[in-house]
Protein backbone atom coordinates (compact mmCIF):
# COMPACT_ATOMS: atom_id res chain seq x y z
CA UNK A 1 132.57 75.45 79.66
CA UNK A 2 131.16 78.13 77.37
CA UNK A 3 129.49 80.81 79.47
CA UNK A 4 127.76 83.68 77.70
CA UNK A 5 127.70 85.69 80.94
CA UNK A 6 130.69 84.36 82.91
CA UNK A 7 131.46 85.32 86.51
CA UNK A 8 134.54 87.29 87.45
CA UNK A 9 137.41 85.19 88.72
CA UNK A 10 140.95 85.80 89.96
CA UNK A 11 143.70 85.90 87.34
CA UNK A 12 146.31 83.23 87.96
CA UNK A 13 149.61 82.47 86.28
CA UNK A 14 151.98 79.54 86.45
CA UNK A 15 155.66 80.33 86.00
CA UNK A 16 154.62 83.69 84.55
CA UNK A 17 152.12 82.26 82.02
CA UNK A 18 148.37 82.29 81.80
CA UNK A 19 146.69 78.92 81.40
CA UNK A 20 145.58 78.27 77.83
CA UNK A 21 142.03 78.19 79.20
CA UNK A 22 142.40 81.92 79.98
CA UNK A 23 142.90 83.01 76.36
CA UNK A 24 140.47 84.14 73.66
CA UNK A 25 141.01 84.33 69.89
CA UNK A 26 140.46 87.17 67.45
CA UNK A 27 141.26 87.22 63.73
CA UNK A 28 140.60 88.69 60.31
CA UNK A 29 141.11 85.82 57.86
CA UNK A 30 144.78 86.65 57.38
CA UNK A 31 146.18 86.33 60.88
CA UNK A 32 144.99 85.83 64.46
CA UNK A 33 145.84 87.00 67.96
CA UNK A 34 145.36 85.50 71.40
CA UNK A 35 144.00 87.83 74.07
CA UNK A 36 144.52 86.98 77.74
CA UNK A 37 141.91 87.40 80.44
CA UNK A 38 144.43 89.79 82.04
CA UNK A 39 144.23 92.20 79.06
CA UNK A 40 147.48 91.05 77.43
CA UNK A 41 147.97 89.98 73.83
CA UNK A 42 150.83 87.46 74.00
CA UNK A 43 150.50 86.12 70.44
CA UNK A 44 150.26 87.86 67.06
CA UNK A 45 152.01 86.96 63.81
CA UNK A 46 152.21 89.65 61.12
CA UNK A 47 151.21 89.96 58.43
CA UNK A 48 150.05 86.32 58.12
CA UNK A 49 149.32 83.36 60.35
CA UNK A 50 152.66 81.76 59.47
CA UNK A 51 154.82 84.92 59.60
CA UNK A 52 157.46 85.54 62.24
CA UNK A 53 155.58 86.58 65.40
CA UNK A 54 155.50 90.23 66.33
CA UNK A 55 154.27 89.18 69.78
CA UNK A 56 155.09 85.78 71.23
CA UNK A 57 155.07 86.22 74.99
CA UNK A 58 153.07 83.00 74.86
CA UNK A 59 156.39 81.23 74.25
CA UNK A 60 158.56 83.42 76.47
CA UNK A 61 156.81 85.75 78.90
CA UNK A 62 159.93 87.87 79.45
CA UNK A 63 161.46 88.11 75.95
CA UNK A 64 158.69 87.15 73.57
CA UNK A 65 156.80 90.42 73.46
CA UNK A 66 153.23 91.47 74.23
CA UNK A 67 150.65 94.23 73.82
CA UNK A 68 149.11 94.72 77.24
CA UNK A 69 146.22 96.92 78.29
CA UNK A 70 145.43 96.36 81.96
CA UNK A 71 144.65 97.98 85.29
CA UNK A 72 147.05 98.37 88.19
CA UNK A 73 146.56 95.79 90.94
CA UNK A 74 144.22 93.61 88.86
CA UNK A 75 141.91 91.68 91.20
CA UNK A 76 139.65 89.65 88.93
CA UNK A 77 138.49 89.44 85.33
CA UNK A 78 136.16 87.80 82.86
CA UNK A 79 136.00 87.38 79.10
CA UNK A 80 133.25 86.80 76.52
CA UNK A 81 132.45 87.37 72.86
CA UNK A 82 129.85 89.68 71.44
CA UNK A 83 127.22 87.20 70.19
CA UNK A 84 127.89 85.59 66.81
CA UNK A 85 131.09 87.57 66.27
CA UNK A 86 134.84 87.37 66.78
CA UNK A 87 134.77 90.63 68.74
CA UNK A 88 136.12 89.80 72.20
CA UNK A 89 135.30 91.58 75.45
CA UNK A 90 137.56 91.43 78.51
CA UNK A 91 136.43 93.06 81.76
CA UNK A 92 139.07 93.85 84.39
CA UNK A 93 138.32 94.80 87.97
CA UNK A 94 140.88 96.64 90.09
CA UNK A 95 140.61 97.94 93.65
CA UNK A 96 138.83 101.16 92.60
CA UNK A 97 137.04 100.46 89.36
CA UNK A 98 135.97 98.29 86.43
CA UNK A 99 137.08 98.63 82.80
CA UNK A 100 135.77 96.89 79.69
CA UNK A 101 138.24 96.24 76.82
CA UNK A 102 136.87 95.33 73.41
CA UNK A 103 139.35 93.71 70.99
CA UNK A 104 139.07 92.84 67.32
CA UNK A 105 141.16 92.44 64.23
CA UNK A 106 139.12 94.86 62.16
CA UNK A 107 137.24 93.95 59.00
CA UNK A 108 136.43 96.25 56.13
CA UNK A 109 133.03 97.91 56.19
CA UNK A 110 130.58 95.63 54.42
CA UNK A 111 133.08 92.76 54.17
CA UNK A 112 131.50 89.55 52.86
CA UNK A 113 133.12 86.67 54.72
CA UNK A 114 131.74 84.21 52.16
CA UNK A 115 133.63 85.89 49.35
CA UNK A 116 136.88 84.29 48.24
CA UNK A 117 138.81 87.44 49.16
CA UNK A 118 140.48 88.98 52.16
CA UNK A 119 138.33 91.07 54.47
CA UNK A 120 140.86 92.39 56.94
CA UNK A 121 142.03 95.98 57.25
CA UNK A 122 145.42 95.15 58.73
CA UNK A 123 144.42 96.81 62.00
CA UNK A 124 144.10 95.67 65.61
CA UNK A 125 141.55 97.66 67.62
CA UNK A 126 141.70 97.82 71.42
CA UNK A 127 139.00 99.99 72.98
CA UNK A 128 138.75 100.43 76.77
CA UNK A 129 135.81 102.06 78.57
CA UNK A 130 135.64 102.59 82.34
CA UNK A 131 132.38 101.05 83.51
CA UNK A 132 132.57 102.02 87.18
CA UNK A 133 134.84 103.95 89.54
CA UNK A 134 138.30 105.06 88.54
CA UNK A 135 141.19 103.08 87.09
CA UNK A 136 144.82 103.55 86.27
CA UNK A 137 145.12 101.90 82.87
CA UNK A 138 148.55 100.81 81.69
CA UNK A 139 149.20 100.39 77.95
CA UNK A 140 152.40 98.69 76.82
CA UNK A 141 153.45 97.55 73.36
CA UNK A 142 156.62 95.46 73.46
CA UNK A 143 157.42 93.69 70.17
CA UNK A 144 159.72 90.71 70.29
CA UNK A 145 163.27 92.01 70.20
CA UNK A 146 162.16 95.53 71.09
CA UNK A 147 160.84 98.43 69.12
CA UNK A 148 161.54 102.13 68.66
CA UNK A 149 158.80 104.72 68.50
CA UNK A 150 158.83 108.03 66.67
CA UNK A 151 156.16 110.53 67.63
CA UNK A 152 153.90 111.75 64.84
CA UNK A 153 151.09 114.23 65.12
CA UNK A 154 148.47 111.47 65.15
CA UNK A 155 150.31 108.74 67.07
CA UNK A 156 153.50 106.73 66.88
CA UNK A 157 155.46 105.15 64.10
CA UNK A 158 156.92 101.89 65.45
CA UNK A 159 160.02 100.24 64.04
CA UNK A 160 160.67 96.64 65.13
CA UNK A 161 164.28 95.55 65.46
CA UNK A 162 163.67 91.99 64.29
CA UNK A 163 161.22 92.94 61.56
CA UNK A 164 162.50 95.79 59.38
CA UNK A 165 159.89 94.72 56.82
CA UNK A 166 157.06 95.81 59.10
CA UNK A 167 155.90 99.40 59.26
CA UNK A 168 153.66 99.77 62.28
CA UNK A 169 151.61 102.72 63.35
CA UNK A 170 149.94 103.11 66.75
CA UNK A 171 147.17 105.67 67.06
CA UNK A 172 145.08 106.68 70.05
CA UNK A 173 142.40 109.11 71.16
CA UNK A 174 144.77 110.13 73.97
CA UNK A 175 148.37 111.36 73.84
CA UNK A 176 151.02 108.67 73.45
CA UNK A 177 154.52 109.62 74.59
CA UNK A 178 156.01 106.21 73.90
CA UNK A 179 155.30 102.50 73.80
CA UNK A 180 154.50 102.52 77.53
CA UNK A 181 151.89 104.94 78.82
CA UNK A 182 149.68 105.25 81.91
CA UNK A 183 146.21 106.77 81.83
CA UNK A 184 144.13 107.77 84.85
CA UNK A 185 140.50 107.41 83.82
CA UNK A 186 137.10 107.92 85.41
CA UNK A 187 133.73 106.30 84.81
CA UNK A 188 132.68 106.87 81.20
CA UNK A 189 136.19 107.70 79.98
CA UNK A 190 137.66 105.66 77.14
CA UNK A 191 141.05 104.84 75.72
CA UNK A 192 141.16 103.72 72.09
CA UNK A 193 144.26 102.17 70.54
CA UNK A 194 144.64 101.05 66.92
CA UNK A 195 147.76 99.22 65.73
CA UNK A 196 148.10 99.23 61.93
CA UNK A 197 150.47 97.43 59.56
CA UNK A 198 150.84 96.92 55.85
CA UNK A 199 149.40 99.95 54.14
CA UNK A 200 149.55 102.99 56.40
CA UNK A 201 146.29 104.14 57.97
CA UNK A 202 147.57 107.20 59.76
CA UNK A 203 145.76 109.67 57.51
CA UNK A 204 142.46 107.82 57.64
CA UNK A 205 139.61 108.83 59.90
CA UNK A 206 140.19 107.58 63.43
CA UNK A 207 136.91 105.94 64.50
CA UNK A 208 137.49 102.75 66.53
CA UNK A 209 133.83 102.54 67.54
CA UNK A 210 132.79 102.38 63.89
CA UNK A 211 135.51 99.83 63.12
CA UNK A 212 134.29 97.56 65.92
CA UNK A 213 130.67 97.97 64.86
CA UNK A 214 131.44 97.19 61.20
CA UNK A 215 133.51 94.16 62.21
CA UNK A 216 130.69 92.80 64.36
CA UNK A 217 128.17 93.40 61.57
CA UNK A 218 130.30 91.49 59.07
CA UNK A 219 130.53 88.49 61.39
CA UNK A 220 126.80 88.50 62.15
CA UNK A 221 125.93 88.76 58.48
CA UNK A 222 128.06 85.67 57.75
CA UNK A 223 126.60 83.73 60.69
CA UNK A 224 123.06 84.18 59.38
CA UNK A 225 123.80 81.25 57.07
CA UNK A 226 124.36 78.88 59.99
CA UNK A 227 121.66 76.22 59.75
CA UNK A 228 122.53 74.26 62.89
CA UNK A 229 119.72 73.46 65.30
CA UNK A 230 120.61 70.86 67.87
CA UNK A 231 122.47 70.03 71.09
CA UNK A 232 124.91 72.61 72.45
CA UNK A 233 123.79 75.14 69.84
CA UNK A 234 125.68 78.09 71.36
CA UNK A 235 128.96 76.13 71.42
CA UNK A 236 128.49 74.79 67.89
CA UNK A 237 127.92 78.31 66.59
CA UNK A 238 131.03 79.47 68.44
CA UNK A 239 132.99 76.57 66.91
CA UNK A 240 131.87 77.63 63.44
CA UNK A 241 133.37 81.08 64.09
CA UNK A 242 136.55 79.52 65.49
CA UNK A 243 137.03 77.47 62.32
CA UNK A 244 136.49 80.60 60.27
CA UNK A 245 139.18 82.31 62.37
CA UNK A 246 141.56 79.53 61.29
CA UNK A 247 140.63 80.06 57.63
CA UNK A 248 142.75 82.09 55.22
CA UNK A 249 139.89 83.80 53.44
CA UNK A 250 141.81 85.01 50.44
CA UNK A 251 143.45 81.67 49.62
CA UNK A 252 140.82 79.17 50.74
CA UNK A 253 143.31 77.32 52.95
CA UNK A 254 143.08 76.75 56.70
CA UNK A 255 145.62 76.45 59.50
CA UNK A 256 145.49 73.45 61.82
CA UNK A 257 145.91 75.92 64.69
CA UNK A 258 147.02 79.57 64.76
CA UNK A 259 149.89 78.80 67.18
CA UNK A 260 153.24 77.03 67.31
CA UNK A 261 155.12 74.98 69.89
CA UNK A 262 152.53 74.77 72.66
CA UNK A 263 153.64 71.59 74.41
CA UNK A 264 151.80 68.34 74.95
CA UNK A 265 152.63 67.73 77.75
CA UNK A 266 154.26 70.56 79.72
CA UNK A 267 157.99 69.86 79.84
CA UNK A 268 157.85 67.53 76.85
CA UNK A 269 159.36 67.89 73.39
CA UNK A 270 156.20 67.30 71.33
CA UNK A 271 156.03 70.96 70.36
CA UNK A 272 155.07 71.55 66.75
CA UNK A 273 154.31 74.44 64.43
CA UNK A 274 150.68 74.10 63.32
CA UNK A 275 150.35 77.36 61.35
CA UNK A 276 150.10 75.56 58.03
CA UNK A 277 147.43 73.82 55.99
CA UNK A 278 147.20 70.08 56.48
CA UNK A 279 145.11 68.61 53.67
CA UNK A 280 143.44 66.28 56.15
CA UNK A 281 142.56 68.89 58.76
CA UNK A 282 141.27 71.37 56.21
CA UNK A 283 139.16 68.73 54.47
CA UNK A 284 137.53 67.76 57.77
CA UNK A 285 136.90 71.44 58.50
CA UNK A 286 135.20 72.27 55.23
CA UNK A 287 133.09 69.12 55.50
CA UNK A 288 131.92 70.24 58.95
CA UNK A 289 131.18 73.77 57.74
CA UNK A 290 129.29 72.48 54.72
CA UNK A 291 126.99 70.46 56.99
CA UNK A 292 125.86 73.61 58.82
CA UNK A 293 125.24 75.81 55.82
CA UNK A 294 128.61 77.13 54.66
CA UNK A 295 129.21 76.00 51.09
CA UNK A 296 131.64 78.65 49.88
CA UNK A 297 134.47 77.59 52.21
CA UNK A 298 134.34 74.04 50.83
CA UNK A 299 134.38 75.32 47.25
CA UNK A 300 137.35 77.59 47.96
CA UNK A 301 139.32 74.79 49.60
CA UNK A 302 138.83 72.36 46.72
CA UNK A 303 140.13 74.94 44.27
CA UNK A 304 143.06 75.75 46.54
CA UNK A 305 144.13 72.15 47.09
CA UNK A 306 144.00 71.22 43.42
CA UNK A 307 146.09 74.27 42.58
CA UNK A 308 148.56 73.35 45.34
CA UNK A 309 148.88 69.78 44.06
CA UNK A 310 149.45 71.02 40.52
CA UNK A 311 152.11 73.47 41.68
CA UNK A 312 153.99 70.90 43.75
CA UNK A 313 153.67 68.22 41.01
CA UNK A 314 152.67 65.62 43.60
CA UNK A 315 150.41 65.70 46.66
CA UNK A 316 151.99 66.87 49.88
CA UNK A 317 150.40 66.44 53.30
CA UNK A 318 150.72 70.13 54.15
CA UNK A 319 151.40 73.47 52.51
CA UNK A 320 151.82 77.08 53.44
CA UNK A 321 148.67 79.14 53.20
CA UNK A 322 149.45 80.12 49.62
CA UNK A 323 150.18 76.55 48.55
CA UNK A 324 153.96 76.53 48.77
CA UNK A 325 156.30 74.06 50.54
CA UNK A 326 156.38 74.38 54.32
CA UNK A 327 159.70 75.75 55.65
CA UNK A 328 162.27 73.42 57.15
CA UNK A 329 161.83 72.82 60.86
CA UNK A 330 164.19 74.88 63.03
CA UNK A 331 164.61 75.38 66.77
CA UNK A 332 164.47 78.88 68.23
CA UNK A 333 166.96 78.82 71.10
CA UNK A 334 166.17 82.40 72.12
CA UNK A 335 162.74 81.49 73.50
CA UNK A 336 162.24 79.36 76.60
CA UNK A 337 158.91 77.92 75.44
CA UNK A 338 155.50 77.98 77.07
CA UNK A 339 156.04 77.32 80.79
CA UNK A 340 159.69 76.55 79.95
CA UNK A 341 158.81 73.72 77.59
CA UNK A 342 161.51 73.95 74.93
CA UNK A 343 162.11 73.58 72.09
CA UNK A 344 160.24 76.29 70.23
CA UNK A 345 159.92 75.24 66.60
CA UNK A 346 159.22 77.15 63.39
CA UNK A 347 158.46 75.16 60.25
CA UNK A 348 157.45 71.52 60.35
CA UNK A 349 159.63 68.51 59.67
CA UNK A 350 156.63 66.32 58.87
CA UNK A 351 156.00 68.26 55.67
CA UNK A 352 157.90 65.74 53.54
CA UNK A 353 156.32 62.67 55.08
CA UNK A 354 154.27 60.19 53.09
CA UNK A 355 150.67 60.10 54.24
CA UNK A 356 148.35 58.34 51.86
CA UNK A 357 145.15 59.73 53.33
CA UNK A 358 145.52 62.90 51.23
CA UNK A 359 144.04 61.12 48.20
CA UNK A 360 140.86 60.23 50.03
CA UNK A 361 140.52 63.66 51.60
CA UNK A 362 140.59 65.49 48.28
CA UNK A 363 138.34 63.07 46.40
CA UNK A 364 135.84 63.09 49.25
CA UNK A 365 135.73 66.91 49.05
CA UNK A 366 135.32 66.75 45.29
CA UNK A 367 132.49 64.23 45.58
CA UNK A 368 130.62 66.52 48.00
CA UNK A 369 131.23 69.52 45.76
CA UNK A 370 129.86 67.69 42.71
CA UNK A 371 126.81 66.18 44.43
CA UNK A 372 124.46 69.13 43.77
CA UNK A 373 124.80 68.42 40.05
CA UNK A 374 127.86 70.44 39.14
CA UNK A 375 129.59 69.40 35.94
CA UNK A 376 133.34 68.85 36.37
CA UNK A 377 135.50 70.44 33.72
CA UNK A 378 137.80 67.99 31.88
CA UNK A 379 140.91 69.34 33.61
CA UNK A 380 139.32 68.86 37.04
CA UNK A 381 138.26 65.31 36.27
CA UNK A 382 141.71 64.54 34.89
CA UNK A 383 143.32 65.72 38.12
CA UNK A 384 140.90 63.74 40.27
CA UNK A 385 141.45 60.62 38.18
CA UNK A 386 145.21 60.93 38.67
CA UNK A 387 144.70 61.01 42.44
CA UNK A 388 142.51 57.91 42.27
CA UNK A 389 145.12 56.07 40.24
CA UNK A 390 147.80 57.04 42.75
CA UNK A 391 145.65 55.72 45.62
CA UNK A 392 145.15 52.44 43.77
CA UNK A 393 148.89 51.79 43.93
CA UNK A 394 150.23 53.56 47.01
CA UNK A 395 148.00 51.86 49.60
CA UNK A 396 150.48 48.96 49.61
CA UNK A 397 153.39 51.23 50.55
CA UNK A 398 154.37 52.21 54.10
CA UNK A 399 153.68 55.75 55.26
CA UNK A 400 153.78 57.74 58.51
CA UNK A 401 150.04 57.63 59.04
CA UNK A 402 147.53 60.16 60.32
CA UNK A 403 149.52 60.83 63.49
CA UNK A 404 152.75 61.60 61.60
CA UNK A 405 154.96 59.19 63.50
CA UNK A 406 158.63 59.98 63.36
CA UNK A 407 159.58 56.32 63.32
CA UNK A 408 159.77 53.82 60.49
CA UNK A 409 156.70 53.83 58.25
CA UNK A 410 154.16 51.01 58.15
CA UNK A 411 151.08 50.15 56.10
CA UNK A 412 148.59 51.82 58.41
CA UNK A 413 144.98 50.66 58.41
CA UNK A 414 143.71 54.24 58.45
CA UNK A 415 145.82 55.17 55.42
CA UNK A 416 144.56 52.13 53.53
CA UNK A 417 141.04 53.12 54.48
CA UNK A 418 141.50 56.60 53.06
CA UNK A 419 142.86 55.14 49.82
CA UNK A 420 139.63 53.14 49.74
CA UNK A 421 137.75 56.43 50.15
CA UNK A 422 139.64 57.90 47.19
CA UNK A 423 138.74 55.00 44.93
CA UNK A 424 135.15 54.77 46.16
CA UNK A 425 134.50 58.50 45.60
CA UNK A 426 136.21 58.54 42.21
CA UNK A 427 134.07 55.59 41.14
CA UNK A 428 130.94 57.26 42.52
CA UNK A 429 131.66 60.49 40.62
CA UNK A 430 132.34 58.61 37.41
CA UNK A 431 129.24 56.42 37.76
CA UNK A 432 126.96 59.31 38.65
CA UNK A 433 128.12 61.61 35.87
CA UNK A 434 128.94 59.04 33.19
CA UNK A 435 132.58 60.10 32.97
CA UNK A 436 135.34 58.23 31.19
CA UNK A 437 138.01 56.32 33.07
CA UNK A 438 138.68 52.94 34.69
CA UNK A 439 135.53 53.31 36.83
CA UNK A 440 134.88 49.59 37.22
CA UNK A 441 138.48 48.96 38.27
CA UNK A 442 138.31 51.71 40.89
CA UNK A 443 135.07 50.25 42.25
CA UNK A 444 136.51 46.75 42.39
CA UNK A 445 139.68 47.94 44.13
CA UNK A 446 137.65 49.96 46.65
CA UNK A 447 135.61 46.85 47.48
CA UNK A 448 138.81 44.82 47.78
CA UNK A 449 140.33 47.29 50.23
CA UNK A 450 137.22 47.22 52.39
CA UNK A 451 137.49 43.43 52.64
CA UNK A 452 141.23 43.59 53.31
CA UNK A 453 140.72 45.98 56.23
CA UNK A 454 138.09 43.77 57.84
CA UNK A 455 140.08 40.59 57.25
CA UNK A 456 143.80 41.40 57.38
CA UNK A 457 143.76 44.19 59.96
CA UNK A 458 141.78 41.99 62.36
CA UNK A 459 143.78 40.84 65.38
CA UNK A 460 142.17 37.63 66.55
CA UNK A 461 144.01 37.59 69.87
CA UNK A 462 142.97 41.16 70.76
CA UNK A 463 139.54 40.87 69.13
CA UNK A 464 139.81 44.22 67.36
CA UNK A 465 141.16 45.85 64.25
CA UNK A 466 144.81 46.83 64.46
CA UNK A 467 146.61 50.03 63.50
CA UNK A 468 148.52 48.11 60.80
CA UNK A 469 146.98 46.30 57.87
CA UNK A 470 148.81 43.08 58.69
CA UNK A 471 147.03 42.85 62.02
CA UNK A 472 150.08 43.96 63.94
CA UNK A 473 150.79 46.97 66.09
CA UNK A 474 148.64 48.44 68.80
CA UNK A 475 145.15 49.82 69.03
CA UNK A 476 144.63 53.18 67.31
CA UNK A 477 141.76 55.62 67.83
CA UNK A 478 141.98 56.67 64.18
CA UNK A 479 140.12 53.43 63.39
CA UNK A 480 137.02 55.19 64.74
CA UNK A 481 137.11 57.38 61.62
CA UNK A 482 136.60 54.43 59.25
CA UNK A 483 132.80 54.27 59.63
CA UNK A 484 132.57 58.05 59.47
CA UNK A 485 134.18 57.97 56.03
CA UNK A 486 131.96 54.99 55.06
CA UNK A 487 134.91 52.62 54.70
CA UNK A 488 133.31 49.97 56.92
CA UNK A 489 129.87 49.92 58.57
CA UNK A 490 129.83 51.09 62.18
CA UNK A 491 127.62 48.16 63.17
CA UNK A 492 129.80 45.49 61.51
CA UNK A 493 130.69 43.07 64.35
CA UNK A 494 134.41 43.69 63.93
CA UNK A 495 134.00 47.47 63.91
CA UNK A 496 131.67 47.35 66.90
CA UNK A 497 134.24 45.23 68.77
CA UNK A 498 136.97 47.71 67.82
CA UNK A 499 134.90 50.62 69.08
CA UNK A 500 134.40 48.90 72.41
CA UNK A 501 138.12 48.07 72.62
CA UNK A 502 139.12 51.68 71.95
CA UNK A 503 136.60 53.00 74.49
CA UNK A 504 138.05 50.66 77.09
CA UNK A 505 141.77 50.26 76.40
CA UNK A 506 142.50 53.79 75.17
CA UNK A 507 140.41 55.45 77.85
CA UNK A 508 142.03 58.33 79.72
CA UNK A 509 139.01 58.59 82.03
CA UNK A 510 135.81 60.64 81.96
CA UNK A 511 135.20 60.11 78.26
CA UNK A 512 138.69 61.15 77.12
CA UNK A 513 140.75 58.95 74.80
CA UNK A 514 144.42 58.60 73.97
CA UNK A 515 145.26 58.35 70.27
CA UNK A 516 147.32 55.23 71.00
CA UNK A 517 149.45 53.86 73.82
CA UNK A 518 153.11 54.65 73.35
CA UNK A 519 154.33 51.39 74.84
CA UNK A 520 152.37 49.46 72.19
CA UNK A 521 152.71 51.92 69.31
CA UNK A 522 156.12 53.61 69.50
CA UNK A 523 156.21 56.78 67.40
CA UNK A 524 159.91 57.68 67.48
CA UNK A 525 159.56 60.40 70.13
CA UNK A 526 160.21 60.34 73.88
CA UNK A 527 157.53 60.82 76.50
CA UNK A 528 153.77 60.42 76.58
CA UNK A 529 151.01 62.90 75.78
CA UNK A 530 147.52 63.90 76.81
CA UNK A 531 144.12 62.78 75.62
CA UNK A 532 143.38 63.81 72.03
CA UNK A 533 140.08 65.68 71.97
CA UNK A 534 138.91 64.79 68.45
CA UNK A 535 139.11 61.05 69.15
CA UNK A 536 136.40 61.33 71.80
CA UNK A 537 134.09 63.05 69.32
CA UNK A 538 134.74 60.20 66.88
CA UNK A 539 133.59 57.85 69.64
CA UNK A 540 130.40 59.91 69.98
CA UNK A 541 129.75 59.45 66.25
CA UNK A 542 130.32 55.70 66.38
CA UNK A 543 127.96 55.32 69.33
CA UNK A 544 125.28 57.17 67.36
CA UNK A 545 125.77 54.94 64.32
CA UNK A 546 125.59 51.85 66.53
CA UNK A 547 122.29 52.95 68.04
CA UNK A 548 123.56 54.07 71.47
CA UNK A 549 122.11 57.56 71.28
CA UNK A 550 121.79 58.17 75.02
CA UNK A 551 125.40 57.19 75.67
CA UNK A 552 126.51 59.32 72.76
CA UNK A 553 124.65 62.38 74.00
CA UNK A 554 126.00 62.00 77.53
CA UNK A 555 129.56 61.77 76.20
CA UNK A 556 129.02 64.74 73.86
CA UNK A 557 127.68 66.86 76.71
CA UNK A 558 130.66 66.02 78.92
CA UNK A 559 133.13 66.84 76.15
CA UNK A 560 131.50 70.17 75.34
CA UNK A 561 131.66 71.10 79.01
CA UNK A 562 135.46 71.04 78.70
CA UNK A 563 135.54 74.13 76.46
CA UNK A 564 136.90 77.27 78.09
CA UNK A 565 134.50 80.11 79.06
CA UNK A 566 134.69 81.63 75.57
CA UNK A 567 134.07 78.26 73.88
CA UNK A 568 137.58 77.38 72.69
CA UNK A 569 139.13 73.91 72.76
CA UNK A 570 142.74 72.69 72.65
CA UNK A 571 144.34 69.83 70.78
CA UNK A 572 144.74 67.72 73.92
CA UNK A 573 143.64 67.63 77.55
CA UNK A 574 145.62 66.52 80.59
CA UNK A 575 143.48 63.67 81.96
CA UNK A 576 144.73 64.17 85.52
CA UNK A 577 143.86 67.87 85.77
CA UNK A 578 141.63 68.77 82.83
CA UNK A 579 144.17 71.40 81.76
CA UNK A 580 144.54 72.28 78.09
CA UNK A 581 147.60 70.97 76.22
CA UNK A 582 149.02 71.37 72.74
CA UNK A 583 148.33 74.03 70.15
CA UNK A 584 145.31 76.19 70.82
CA UNK A 585 142.67 76.57 69.67
CA UNK A 586 142.78 73.42 67.57
CA UNK A 587 140.63 73.24 64.44
CA UNK A 588 140.30 69.46 64.78
CA UNK A 589 138.60 69.77 68.17
CA UNK A 590 136.07 72.31 66.91
CA UNK A 591 135.38 70.10 63.91
CA UNK A 592 134.41 67.40 66.40
CA UNK A 593 132.01 69.72 68.23
CA UNK A 594 130.24 70.61 64.98
CA UNK A 595 130.21 67.17 63.35
CA UNK A 596 129.03 65.26 66.43
CA UNK A 597 126.40 67.90 67.13
CA UNK A 598 125.02 67.50 63.60
CA UNK A 599 125.02 63.72 63.93
CA UNK A 600 123.18 63.86 67.23
CA UNK A 601 120.64 66.33 65.91
CA UNK A 602 119.94 64.12 62.92
CA UNK A 603 119.68 61.01 65.07
CA UNK A 604 117.14 62.75 67.30
CA UNK A 605 115.17 63.77 64.22
CA UNK A 606 115.33 60.25 62.81
CA UNK A 607 117.34 61.26 59.74
CA UNK A 608 120.74 60.06 58.54
CA UNK A 609 123.94 62.08 58.11
C-alpha cells in the first residue's frame, strides 16, 4: 500500500528480476522510466514512450541494459516520491552507510503541465547524497546492445550500437573514466549524473540540484488544480500524477501503460505492447482527470482523437502517440522476457481489430467538452455526426469487444452499449444546442438499443445479462460499465442481478474479479490470467449506485491497499499471491482509483456523479 514514509526492507529478486511492486515511475510527458528499489533503471525508451528501448533489463536482466546507481553489498532499501511530484527518492543502506538517490526526468524551468506542449528537457537526472557513514557507490550505464564512450572535457559522449540515431551525453560532478565507475564517498558527499539526448546539453550549465527543484516545482504547480477531497486522498492524488506520466503532453494522447510484454501470468504468452493510445483507455483517463479539476487534458485529447480519425479516414481502436497506425506486431527473440516469460512483443496485432466502443468513447468526451456551453464549429459537429451515424449501423456487426479477443468476433453487449452511448450523446448535444441532423432518429435508436440490451442480452437460465447480445456466451465484467456510462440504470432488477452474478461467479477472492472465465468465454489464446484490477473498481461504483455504500467503501479500501509503496498499480493481480501481473503501471487501474474515489466522496456528501 502507499506509504509516504515507508520502512526499509530487504531487496529481493526472482530469477534475477525485481518484483513489479519494487519499481517506481518517472517521466516528462514524452517518455518514462522505471526505477528499481535497488537503484537500477531497467526500463527507458528514447526519445518517446513507443521508441525502441535504450534500457530494457526489465525484459532481459542480462542483455536488456540498465542504468544502475547502487551501493556495494546492498542490505535494504526504500522508495518514495517527493510530495505531489514525479521526483522519486530511493534510499539504499549498505554495511557502512546510507545513500539517498533522487531521480527525475527533468522538466524545463517554469514548465506549465497544463499547456498543450512538451515540457521535458530530454535529460535524466540521478543525484546521490550520502546521508550517513561511508559508501562505495557503483555507477553503470549499459545500453541494450552495448555502448561506446568517448571522453570529453565535461563528461562522456555515448554511442549506442543498436541506436545510431541517438546521441547521448553523460555528465557528472565527478570524473567519469567510462560507463562503469566506482566512487568512495563520505557523509555529505554527492554524485550527480545527468544523461542527455536529443539536443546536446554539454555546454549548458551543470546544475542538477536546480533541475530537480524546477521539476518538482512544475509538478506541484500543476497539482494545485486537483480538487479531490475524499477517501484515500493521498493515493488518488498519486494516481492523478501517474496518469499524467502516461500522457503525451505535446500531442494530447495517452499510453495505456509505459511498458511492453510484461506477462499475465508469469510463463504465459499474454504479453502485449501497451505503449500506444487506445481510444477507450484515453477517454476513461481524461474523464477521470476532468472530475478532479483537470480540464485541459480532456480538451487536448478530444482534439487529438478527431485529428487521428480524420487522418486515418476511419476510426481505429488505437494509434501511435502522434496519431499514426500502430506498427505490426513482431516478436523479439533476443530477449528472454520478464522472468523468462517470452515472447517479447513490439507493436500490437490488435490495432486492426473492430471494436465498436470507439464511437461512444469519442462522443461521450465531446458531450462533456461541450457541456459548459461551448459552441461546436460546423466541422466538429460534422465529424461527430458521422461517428453517430456509424454507430447506428455497426452495432449489429460482430467485433472483438473491449477485451480484444483473438477469436471469432461476436456482437458483444458492451460494444452495443457503447454504440448506444454514441447515439445518446449525439442526440443530447443536438437537442441541447439546437443543431441540425437526424437528432430524433438517434434518440429513438439509442432508446431501442437500451431495450435490446435489457431484453435480448438477458440469459434467463443464468439470471444475468450475457456478454453477447443474443443472450449467449459467458458472464463478462465489462457489463459493470453499462450503468457507469448511463446505458442502463444500476438499480434495474436485471442489472442488479448481473452485478451480484459478477461479484459471485467472477470472484477471484478478496474483492478481486476476473474479466471473464476462459472456459466459458474462449478468447483464442492459451492459458488463464490474473484478476483485472479495473473490474473491481467498477464493482465499487455499481455498489454505490445501488445504495450499498458501506460495502463499496470496504471494497475500495481493500483495493487501494494493494498499491505498491509508491502508490502504483498493475493491470492484473495474481489472486493466489497478491503479486502484480501485466503491464505496469496500468492507466486503467489508476483511473479506477480516481473514479471510484470521486463516486464515494459524492455519495458521502449526498450528491450525484
